[in-house]
């Protein structure tokens, strides 16, 4: 679905509390062609966005749709249905583009 996001002039980023080598292995395994950001070891972004789990020392699976002005327009939190993150984000972006 990356091309559909790109058609909407959208930047897709992945962020995780995993270290960069783990993220690279994940990206290579999944064939990802968008940037992944390592929020390790300080977990500053996960903490700032309120998705860091102190007990597990990891982030929750959350997608933020952020507009070009830095405003969070939509949040998807679903650890089970990963496809939902992409499909719902795309629908939100289409709605925003139509405005």
PDB file of N, CA and C in Angstrom:
ATOM      1  N   UNK A   1       0.807  -1.201   0.000  1.00  0.00           N
ATOM      2  CA  UNK A   1       0.000   0.000   0.000  1.00  0.00           C
ATOM      3  C   UNK A   1       0.857   1.275   0.000  1.00  0.00           C
ATOM      4  N   UNK A   2       2.175   1.115   0.059  1.00  0.00           N
ATOM      5  CA  UNK A   2       3.053   2.275   0.150  1.00  0.00           C
ATOM      6  C   UNK A   2       2.826   3.244  -1.004  1.00  0.00           C
ATOM      7  N   UNK A   3       2.625   2.727  -2.201  1.00  0.00           N
ATOM      8  CA  UNK A   3       2.423   3.621  -3.349  1.00  0.00           C
ATOM      9  C   UNK A   3       1.162   4.457  -3.184  1.00  0.00           C
ATOM     10  N   UNK A   4       0.128   3.907  -2.567  1.00  0.00           N
ATOM     11  CA  UNK A   4      -1.094   4.677  -2.326  1.00  0.00           C
ATOM     12  C   UNK A   4      -0.828   5.830  -1.354  1.00  0.00           C
ATOM     13  N   UNK A   5      -0.012   5.578  -0.347  1.00  0.00           N
ATOM     14  CA  UNK A   5       0.360   6.647   0.583  1.00  0.00           C
ATOM     15  C   UNK A   5       1.171   7.712  -0.146  1.00  0.00           C
ATOM     16  N   UNK A   6       2.088   7.281  -0.979  1.00  0.00           N
ATOM     17  CA  UNK A   6       2.933   8.222  -1.708  1.00  0.00           C
ATOM     18  C   UNK A   6       2.122   9.081  -2.660  1.00  0.00           C
ATOM     19  N   UNK A   7       1.084   8.535  -3.253  1.00  0.00           N
ATOM     20  CA  UNK A   7       0.216   9.304  -4.144  1.00  0.00           C
ATOM     21  C   UNK A   7      -0.491  10.432  -3.401  1.00  0.00           C
ATOM     22  N   UNK A   8      -0.627  10.280  -2.088  1.00  0.00           N
ATOM     23  CA  UNK A   8      -1.259  11.312  -1.265  1.00  0.00           C
ATOM     24  C   UNK A   8      -0.221  12.246  -0.643  1.00  0.00           C
ATOM     25  N   UNK A   9       1.005  12.219  -1.196  1.00  0.00           N
ATOM     26  CA  UNK A   9       2.095  13.073  -0.715  1.00  0.00           C
ATOM     27  C   UNK A   9       2.328  12.867   0.782  1.00  0.00           C
ATOM     28  N   UNK A  10       2.439  11.608   1.164  1.00  0.00           N
ATOM     29  CA  UNK A  10       2.559  11.216   2.559  1.00  0.00           C
ATOM     30  C   UNK A  10       3.906  10.554   2.814  1.00  0.00           C
ATOM     31  N   UNK A  11       4.497  10.846   3.944  1.00  0.00           N
ATOM     32  CA  UNK A  11       5.730  10.179   4.383  1.00  0.00           C
ATOM     33  C   UNK A  11       5.345   9.105   5.394  1.00  0.00           C
ATOM     34  N   UNK A  12       5.713   7.881   5.114  1.00  0.00           N
ATOM     35  CA  UNK A  12       5.471   6.771   6.033  1.00  0.00           C
ATOM     36  C   UNK A  12       6.764   6.497   6.783  1.00  0.00           C
ATOM     37  N   UNK A  13       6.668   6.444   8.100  1.00  0.00           N
ATOM     38  CA  UNK A  13       7.804   6.124   8.960  1.00  0.00           C
ATOM     39  C   UNK A  13       7.382   5.054   9.947  1.00  0.00           C
ATOM     40  N   UNK A  14       8.307   4.185  10.281  1.00  0.00           N
ATOM     41  CA  UNK A  14       8.096   3.238  11.356  1.00  0.00           C
ATOM     42  C   UNK A  14       9.016   3.602  12.496  1.00  0.00           C
ATOM     43  N   UNK A  15       8.549   3.471  13.713  1.00  0.00           N
ATOM     44  CA  UNK A  15       9.380   3.759  14.881  1.00  0.00           C
ATOM     45  C   UNK A  15       9.210   2.640  15.884  1.00  0.00           C
ATOM     46  N   UNK A  16      10.298   2.311  16.537  1.00  0.00           N
ATOM     47  CA  UNK A  16      10.268   1.227  17.505  1.00  0.00           C
ATOM     48  C   UNK A  16      11.309   1.480  18.585  1.00  0.00           C
ATOM     49  N   UNK A  17      11.076   0.876  19.729  1.00  0.00           N
ATOM     50  CA  UNK A  17      12.049   0.952  20.817  1.00  0.00           C
ATOM     51  C   UNK A  17      13.157  -0.074  20.640  1.00  0.00           C
ATOM     52  N   UNK A  18      13.100  -0.834  19.569  1.00  0.00           N
ATOM     53  CA  UNK A  18      14.178  -1.785  19.262  1.00  0.00           C
ATOM     54  C   UNK A  18      15.402  -1.032  18.751  1.00  0.00           C
ATOM     55  N   UNK A  19      16.553  -1.612  18.969  1.00  0.00           N
ATOM     56  CA  UNK A  19      17.801  -1.029  18.470  1.00  0.00           C
ATOM     57  C   UNK A  19      17.848  -1.131  16.946  1.00  0.00           C
ATOM     58  N   UNK A  20      18.651  -0.283  16.335  1.00  0.00           N
ATOM     59  CA  UNK A  20      18.744  -0.203  14.872  1.00  0.00           C
ATOM     60  C   UNK A  20      19.047  -1.546  14.200  1.00  0.00           C
ATOM     61  N   UNK A  21      19.983  -2.371  14.718  1.00  0.00           N
ATOM     62  CA  UNK A  21      20.238  -3.652  14.044  1.00  0.00           C
ATOM     63  C   UNK A  21      19.005  -4.567  13.993  1.00  0.00           C
ATOM     64  N   UNK A  22      18.221  -4.573  15.047  1.00  0.00           N
ATOM     65  CA  UNK A  22      16.988  -5.372  15.054  1.00  0.00           C
ATOM     66  C   UNK A  22      15.997  -4.841  14.036  1.00  0.00           C
ATOM     67  N   UNK A  23      15.903  -3.514  13.954  1.00  0.00           N
ATOM     68  CA  UNK A  23      14.989  -2.919  12.983  1.00  0.00           C
ATOM     69  C   UNK A  23      15.418  -3.210  11.555  1.00  0.00           C
ATOM     70  N   UNK A  24      16.714  -3.172  11.302  1.00  0.00           N
ATOM     71  CA  UNK A  24      17.211  -3.477   9.959  1.00  0.00           C
ATOM     72  C   UNK A  24      16.868  -4.913   9.577  1.00  0.00           C
ATOM     73  N   UNK A  25      17.067  -5.842  10.509  1.00  0.00           N
ATOM     74  CA  UNK A  25      16.743  -7.248  10.245  1.00  0.00           C
ATOM     75  C   UNK A  25      15.248  -7.396   9.965  1.00  0.00           C
ATOM     76  N   UNK A  26      14.421  -6.703  10.729  1.00  0.00           N
ATOM     77  CA  UNK A  26      12.972  -6.743  10.526  1.00  0.00           C
ATOM     78  C   UNK A  26      12.604  -6.181   9.154  1.00  0.00           C
ATOM     79  N   UNK A  27      13.167  -5.025   8.819  1.00  0.00           N
ATOM     80  CA  UNK A  27      12.880  -4.389   7.529  1.00  0.00           C
ATOM     81  C   UNK A  27      13.313  -5.277   6.368  1.00  0.00           C
ATOM     82  N   UNK A  28      14.491  -5.873   6.495  1.00  0.00           N
ATOM     83  CA  UNK A  28      14.978  -6.769   5.442  1.00  0.00           C
ATOM     84  C   UNK A  28      14.080  -7.988   5.307  1.00  0.00           C
ATOM     85  N   UNK A  29      13.690  -8.568   6.431  1.00  0.00           N
ATOM     86  CA  UNK A  29      12.841  -9.763   6.438  1.00  0.00           C
ATOM     87  C   UNK A  29      11.477  -9.479   5.796  1.00  0.00           C
ATOM     88  N   UNK A  30      10.924  -8.294   6.092  1.00  0.00           N
ATOM     89  CA  UNK A  30       9.588  -7.939   5.593  1.00  0.00           C
ATOM     90  C   UNK A  30       9.621  -7.210   4.259  1.00  0.00           C
ATOM     91  N   UNK A  31      10.829  -6.860   3.788  1.00  0.00           N
ATOM     92  CA  UNK A  31      10.943  -6.144   2.523  1.00  0.00           C
ATOM     93  C   UNK A  31      10.410  -4.724   2.594  1.00  0.00           C
ATOM     94  N   UNK A  32      10.585  -4.078   3.726  1.00  0.00           N
ATOM     95  CA  UNK A  32      10.080  -2.716   3.896  1.00  0.00           C
ATOM     96  C   UNK A  32      10.944  -1.723   3.127  1.00  0.00           C
ATOM     97  N   UNK A  33      10.294  -0.755   2.505  1.00  0.00           N
ATOM     98  CA  UNK A  33      11.041   0.243   1.741  1.00  0.00           C
ATOM     99  C   UNK A  33      10.819   1.657   2.279  1.00  0.00           C
ATOM    100  N   UNK A  34      10.284   1.760   3.493  1.00  0.00           N
ATOM    101  CA  UNK A  34      10.140   3.059   4.131  1.00  0.00           C
ATOM    102  C   UNK A  34      11.063   3.110   5.346  1.00  0.00           C
ATOM    103  N   UNK A  35      11.423   4.313   5.781  1.00  0.00           N
ATOM    104  CA  UNK A  35      12.382   4.435   6.891  1.00  0.00           C
ATOM    105  C   UNK A  35      11.834   3.928   8.219  1.00  0.00           C
ATOM    106  N   UNK A  36      12.710   3.314   8.975  1.00  0.00           N
ATOM    107  CA  UNK A  36      12.411   2.929  10.352  1.00  0.00           C
ATOM    108  C   UNK A  36      13.295   3.754  11.271  1.00  0.00           C
ATOM    109  N   UNK A  37      12.728   4.224  12.352  1.00  0.00           N
ATOM    110  CA  UNK A  37      13.436   5.067  13.303  1.00  0.00           C
ATOM    111  C   UNK A  37      13.632   4.290  14.591  1.00  0.00           C
ATOM    112  N   UNK A  38      14.876   4.236  15.059  1.00  0.00           N
ATOM    113  CA  UNK A  38      15.179   3.547  16.318  1.00  0.00           C
ATOM    114  C   UNK A  38      15.060   4.531  17.470  1.00  0.00           C
ATOM    115  N   UNK A  39      14.153   4.259  18.373  1.00  0.00           N
ATOM    116  CA  UNK A  39      13.938   5.097  19.554  1.00  0.00           C
ATOM    117  C   UNK A  39      14.637   4.453  20.753  1.00  0.00           C
ATOM    118  N   UNK A  40      15.880   4.104  20.554  1.00  0.00           N
ATOM    119  CA  UNK A  40      16.669   3.348  21.530  1.00  0.00           C
ATOM    120  C   UNK A  40      17.981   4.063  21.761  1.00  0.00           C
ATOM    121  N   UNK A  41      18.473   4.209  22.936  1.00  0.00           N
ATOM    122  CA  UNK A  41      18.042   3.580  24.182  1.00  0.00           C
ATOM    123  C   UNK A  41      17.201   4.471  25.089  1.00  0.00           C
ATOM    124  N   UNK A  42      16.964   5.725  24.706  1.00  0.00           N
ATOM    125  CA  UNK A  42      16.262   6.639  25.621  1.00  0.00           C
ATOM    126  C   UNK A  42      14.733   6.521  25.553  1.00  0.00           C
ATOM    127  N   UNK A  43      14.216   5.985  24.435  1.00  0.00           N
ATOM    128  CA  UNK A  43      12.771   5.832  24.243  1.00  0.00           C
ATOM    129  C   UNK A  43      12.032   7.172  24.316  1.00  0.00           C
ATOM    130  N   UNK A  44      12.707   8.235  23.916  1.00  0.00           N
ATOM    131  CA  UNK A  44      12.158   9.585  24.050  1.00  0.00           C
ATOM    132  C   UNK A  44      10.870   9.779  23.254  1.00  0.00           C
ATOM    133  N   UNK A  45      10.839   9.300  22.024  1.00  0.00           N
ATOM    134  CA  UNK A  45       9.636   9.484  21.199  1.00  0.00           C
ATOM    135  C   UNK A  45       8.468   8.688  21.764  1.00  0.00           C
ATOM    136  N   UNK A  46       8.701   7.437  22.124  1.00  0.00           N
ATOM    137  CA  UNK A  46       7.623   6.608  22.680  1.00  0.00           C
ATOM    138  C   UNK A  46       7.065   7.234  23.954  1.00  0.00           C
ATOM    139  N   UNK A  47       7.936   7.774  24.772  1.00  0.00           N
ATOM    140  CA  UNK A  47       7.484   8.442  26.002  1.00  0.00           C
ATOM    141  C   UNK A  47       6.718   9.715  25.671  1.00  0.00           C
ATOM    142  N   UNK A  48       7.227  10.502  24.735  1.00  0.00           N
ATOM    143  CA  UNK A  48       6.573  11.760  24.373  1.00  0.00           C
ATOM    144  C   UNK A  48       5.182  11.533  23.783  1.00  0.00           C
ATOM    145  N   UNK A  49       5.020  10.452  23.031  1.00  0.00           N
ATOM    146  CA  UNK A  49       3.726  10.135  22.428  1.00  0.00           C
ATOM    147  C   UNK A  49       2.830   9.327  23.361  1.00  0.00           C
ATOM    148  N   UNK A  50       3.333   8.995  24.556  1.00  0.00           N
ATOM    149  CA  UNK A  50       2.525   8.284  25.542  1.00  0.00           C
ATOM    150  C   UNK A  50       2.276   6.830  25.230  1.00  0.00           C
ATOM    151  N   UNK A  51       3.196   6.193  24.487  1.00  0.00           N
ATOM    152  CA  UNK A  51       2.992   4.792  24.101  1.00  0.00           C
ATOM    153  C   UNK A  51       4.058   3.856  24.683  1.00  0.00           C
ATOM    154  N   UNK A  52       4.872   4.359  25.614  1.00  0.00           N
ATOM    155  CA  UNK A  52       5.935   3.537  26.186  1.00  0.00           C
ATOM    156  C   UNK A  52       5.413   2.772  27.394  1.00  0.00           C
ATOM    157  N   UNK A  53       5.680   1.480  27.422  1.00  0.00           N
ATOM    158  CA  UNK A  53       5.294   0.615  28.529  1.00  0.00           C
ATOM    159  C   UNK A  53       6.532   0.385  29.390  1.00  0.00           C
ATOM    160  N   UNK A  54       6.570   1.017  30.544  1.00  0.00           N
ATOM    161  CA  UNK A  54       7.739   0.934  31.439  1.00  0.00           C
ATOM    162  C   UNK A  54       8.008  -0.493  31.899  1.00  0.00           C
ATOM    163  N   UNK A  55       6.944  -1.260  32.186  1.00  0.00           N
ATOM    164  CA  UNK A  55       7.120  -2.639  32.657  1.00  0.00           C
ATOM    165  C   UNK A  55       7.787  -3.521  31.613  1.00  0.00           C
ATOM    166  N   UNK A  56       7.335  -3.398  30.384  1.00  0.00           N
ATOM    167  CA  UNK A  56       7.854  -4.243  29.310  1.00  0.00           C
ATOM    168  C   UNK A  56       9.038  -3.613  28.592  1.00  0.00           C
ATOM    169  N   UNK A  57       9.313  -2.334  28.876  1.00  0.00           N
ATOM    170  CA  UNK A  57      10.400  -1.586  28.226  1.00  0.00           C
ATOM    171  C   UNK A  57      10.264  -1.602  26.705  1.00  0.00           C
ATOM    172  N   UNK A  58       9.045  -1.395  26.248  1.00  0.00           N
ATOM    173  CA  UNK A  58       8.765  -1.369  24.818  1.00  0.00           C
ATOM    174  C   UNK A  58       7.595  -0.437  24.549  1.00  0.00           C
ATOM    175  N   UNK A  59       7.340  -0.161  23.290  1.00  0.00           N
ATOM    176  CA  UNK A  59       6.215   0.686  22.934  1.00  0.00           C
ATOM    177  C   UNK A  59       5.003  -0.156  22.557  1.00  0.00           C
ATOM    178  N   UNK A  60       3.826   0.472  22.660  1.00  0.00           N
ATOM    179  CA  UNK A  60       2.594  -0.152  22.192  1.00  0.00           C
ATOM    180  C   UNK A  60       2.541  -0.034  20.680  1.00  0.00           C
ATOM    181  N   UNK A  61       1.716  -0.843  20.046  1.00  0.00           N
ATOM    182  CA  UNK A  61       1.550  -0.764  18.593  1.00  0.00           C
ATOM    183  C   UNK A  61       0.488   0.276  18.284  1.00  0.00           C
ATOM    184  N   UNK A  62       0.963   1.458  17.966  1.00  0.00           N
ATOM    185  CA  UNK A  62       0.080   2.593  17.733  1.00  0.00           C
ATOM    186  C   UNK A  62       0.526   3.295  16.453  1.00  0.00           C
ATOM    187  N   UNK A  63      -0.447   3.725  15.668  1.00  0.00           N
ATOM    188  CA  UNK A  63      -0.172   4.516  14.473  1.00  0.00           C
ATOM    189  C   UNK A  63      -0.754   5.900  14.675  1.00  0.00           C
ATOM    190  N   UNK A  64       0.050   6.896  14.360  1.00  0.00           N
ATOM    191  CA  UNK A  64      -0.390   8.282  14.419  1.00  0.00           C
ATOM    192  C   UNK A  64      -0.409   8.829  12.998  1.00  0.00           C
ATOM    193  N   UNK A  65      -1.522   9.417  12.611  1.00  0.00           N
ATOM    194  CA  UNK A  65      -1.603  10.137  11.348  1.00  0.00           C
ATOM    195  C   UNK A  65      -1.393  11.599  11.719  1.00  0.00           C
ATOM    196  N   UNK A  66      -0.284  12.160  11.242  1.00  0.00           N
ATOM    197  CA  UNK A  66       0.110  13.518  11.600  1.00  0.00           C
ATOM    198  C   UNK A  66       0.130  14.354  10.322  1.00  0.00           C
ATOM    199  N   UNK A  67      -0.535  15.503  10.374  1.00  0.00           N
ATOM    200  CA  UNK A  67      -0.582  16.325   9.169  1.00  0.00           C
ATOM    201  C   UNK A  67       0.713  17.118   8.990  1.00  0.00           C
ATOM    202  N   UNK A  68       0.789  17.871   7.923  1.00  0.00           N
ATOM    203  CA  UNK A  68       2.015  18.601   7.580  1.00  0.00           C
ATOM    204  C   UNK A  68       2.338  19.730   8.550  1.00  0.00           C
ATOM    205  N   UNK A  69       1.381  20.047   9.434  1.00  0.00           N
ATOM    206  CA  UNK A  69       1.594  21.094  10.434  1.00  0.00           C
ATOM    207  C   UNK A  69       1.966  20.488  11.793  1.00  0.00           C
ATOM    208  N   UNK A  70       2.120  19.152  11.822  1.00  0.00           N
ATOM    209  CA  UNK A  70       2.496  18.482  13.063  1.00  0.00           C
ATOM    210  C   UNK A  70       1.333  18.175  13.992  1.00  0.00           C
ATOM    211  N   UNK A  71       0.107  18.278  13.485  1.00  0.00           N
ATOM    212  CA  UNK A  71      -1.083  18.015  14.287  1.00  0.00           C
ATOM    213  C   UNK A  71      -1.473  16.543  14.136  1.00  0.00           C
ATOM    214  N   UNK A  72      -1.656  15.861  15.257  1.00  0.00           N
ATOM    215  CA  UNK A  72      -2.112  14.466  15.218  1.00  0.00           C
ATOM    216  C   UNK A  72      -3.583  14.485  14.823  1.00  0.00           C
ATOM    217  N   UNK A  73      -3.889  13.867  13.690  1.00  0.00           N
ATOM    218  CA  UNK A  73      -5.254  13.858  13.152  1.00  0.00           C
ATOM    219  C   UNK A  73      -6.018  12.580  13.481  1.00  0.00           C
ATOM    220  N   UNK A  74      -5.272  11.508  13.747  1.00  0.00           N
ATOM    221  CA  UNK A  74      -5.944  10.231  14.005  1.00  0.00           C
ATOM    222  C   UNK A  74      -4.966   9.303  14.718  1.00  0.00           C
ATOM    223  N   UNK A  75      -5.492   8.462  15.607  1.00  0.00           N
ATOM    224  CA  UNK A  75      -4.670   7.498  16.338  1.00  0.00           C
ATOM    225  C   UNK A  75      -5.322   6.129  16.212  1.00  0.00           C
ATOM    226  N   UNK A  76      -4.498   5.137  15.898  1.00  0.00           N
ATOM    227  CA  UNK A  76      -4.961   3.752  15.803  1.00  0.00           C
ATOM    228  C   UNK A  76      -4.134   2.933  16.775  1.00  0.00           C
ATOM    229  N   UNK A  77      -4.793   2.307  17.729  1.00  0.00           N
ATOM    230  CA  UNK A  77      -4.108   1.447  18.684  1.00  0.00           C
ATOM    231  C   UNK A  77      -4.753   0.071  18.609  1.00  0.00           C
ATOM    232  N   UNK A  78      -4.032  -0.855  18.011  1.00  0.00           N
ATOM    233  CA  UNK A  78      -4.550  -2.203  17.813  1.00  0.00           C
ATOM    234  C   UNK A  78      -3.368  -3.141  17.667  1.00  0.00           C
ATOM    235  N   UNK A  79      -3.090  -3.905  18.696  1.00  0.00           N
ATOM    236  CA  UNK A  79      -1.935  -4.808  18.680  1.00  0.00           C
ATOM    237  C   UNK A  79      -2.199  -6.076  17.883  1.00  0.00           C
ATOM    238  N   UNK A  80      -3.455  -6.379  17.625  1.00  0.00           N
ATOM    239  CA  UNK A  80      -3.800  -7.634  16.959  1.00  0.00           C
ATOM    240  C   UNK A  80      -3.902  -7.514  15.441  1.00  0.00           C
ATOM    241  N   UNK A  81      -4.540  -6.456  14.971  1.00  0.00           N
ATOM    242  CA  UNK A  81      -4.838  -6.321  13.542  1.00  0.00           C
ATOM    243  C   UNK A  81      -3.912  -5.282  12.916  1.00  0.00           C
ATOM    244  N   UNK A  82      -2.748  -5.719  12.488  1.00  0.00           N
ATOM    245  CA  UNK A  82      -1.762  -4.795  11.940  1.00  0.00           C
ATOM    246  C   UNK A  82      -2.197  -4.220  10.590  1.00  0.00           C
ATOM    247  N   UNK A  83      -2.967  -4.957   9.833  1.00  0.00           N
ATOM    248  CA  UNK A  83      -3.443  -4.451   8.541  1.00  0.00           C
ATOM    249  C   UNK A  83      -4.337  -3.228   8.736  1.00  0.00           C
ATOM    250  N   UNK A  84      -5.060  -3.210   9.847  1.00  0.00           N
ATOM    251  CA  UNK A  84      -5.949  -2.078  10.153  1.00  0.00           C
ATOM    252  C   UNK A  84      -5.173  -0.765  10.180  1.00  0.00           C
ATOM    253  N   UNK A  85      -3.952  -0.781  10.686  1.00  0.00           N
ATOM    254  CA  UNK A  85      -3.159   0.439  10.792  1.00  0.00           C
ATOM    255  C   UNK A  85      -2.978   1.094   9.416  1.00  0.00           C
ATOM    256  N   UNK A  86      -2.641   0.304   8.425  1.00  0.00           N
ATOM    257  CA  UNK A  86      -2.423   0.848   7.081  1.00  0.00           C
ATOM    258  C   UNK A  86      -3.737   1.242   6.420  1.00  0.00           C
ATOM    259  N   UNK A  87      -4.716   0.369   6.451  1.00  0.00           N
ATOM    260  CA  UNK A  87      -5.965   0.659   5.737  1.00  0.00           C
ATOM    261  C   UNK A  87      -6.698   1.849   6.342  1.00  0.00           C
ATOM    262  N   UNK A  88      -6.767   1.917   7.664  1.00  0.00           N
ATOM    263  CA  UNK A  88      -7.462   3.025   8.312  1.00  0.00           C
ATOM    264  C   UNK A  88      -6.702   4.336   8.126  1.00  0.00           C
ATOM    265  N   UNK A  89      -5.390   4.282   8.216  1.00  0.00           N
ATOM    266  CA  UNK A  89      -4.587   5.490   7.991  1.00  0.00           C
ATOM    267  C   UNK A  89      -4.804   6.031   6.592  1.00  0.00           C
ATOM    268  N   UNK A  90      -4.830   5.140   5.621  1.00  0.00           N
ATOM    269  CA  UNK A  90      -5.034   5.559   4.237  1.00  0.00           C
ATOM    270  C   UNK A  90      -6.396   6.219   4.063  1.00  0.00           C
ATOM    271  N   UNK A  91      -7.419   5.671   4.684  1.00  0.00           N
ATOM    272  CA  UNK A  91      -8.757   6.270   4.581  1.00  0.00           C
ATOM    273  C   UNK A  91      -8.793   7.652   5.231  1.00  0.00           C
ATOM    274  N   UNK A  92      -8.134   7.799   6.368  1.00  0.00           N
ATOM    275  CA  UNK A  92      -8.069   9.103   7.030  1.00  0.00           C
ATOM    276  C   UNK A  92      -7.354  10.109   6.125  1.00  0.00           C
ATOM    277  N   UNK A  93      -6.261   9.699   5.526  1.00  0.00           N
ATOM    278  CA  UNK A  93      -5.511  10.601   4.636  1.00  0.00           C
ATOM    279  C   UNK A  93      -6.330  11.004   3.419  1.00  0.00           C
ATOM    280  N   UNK A  94      -7.068  10.076   2.869  1.00  0.00           N
ATOM    281  CA  UNK A  94      -7.945  10.397   1.722  1.00  0.00           C
ATOM    282  C   UNK A  94      -8.995  11.419   2.123  1.00  0.00           C
ATOM    283  N   UNK A  95      -9.554  11.271   3.317  1.00  0.00           N
ATOM    284  CA  UNK A  95     -10.537  12.227   3.818  1.00  0.00           C
ATOM    285  C   UNK A  95      -9.905  13.597   4.010  1.00  0.00           C
ATOM    286  N   UNK A  96      -8.718  13.640   4.590  1.00  0.00           N
ATOM    287  CA  UNK A  96      -8.029  14.911   4.791  1.00  0.00           C
ATOM    288  C   UNK A  96      -7.670  15.577   3.465  1.00  0.00           C
ATOM    289  N   UNK A  97      -7.277  14.779   2.481  1.00  0.00           N
ATOM    290  CA  UNK A  97      -6.905  15.329   1.172  1.00  0.00           C
ATOM    291  C   UNK A  97      -8.111  15.909   0.451  1.00  0.00           C
ATOM    292  N   UNK A  98      -9.291  15.368   0.723  1.00  0.00           N
ATOM    293  CA  UNK A  98     -10.502  15.823   0.055  1.00  0.00           C
ATOM    294  C   UNK A  98     -11.000  17.148   0.614  1.00  0.00           C
ATOM    295  N   UNK A  99     -10.502  17.539   1.773  1.00  0.00           N
ATOM    296  CA  UNK A  99     -10.965  18.793   2.409  1.00  0.00           C
ATOM    297  C   UNK A  99     -10.330  19.998   1.763  1.00  0.00           C
TER     298      UNK A  99
END
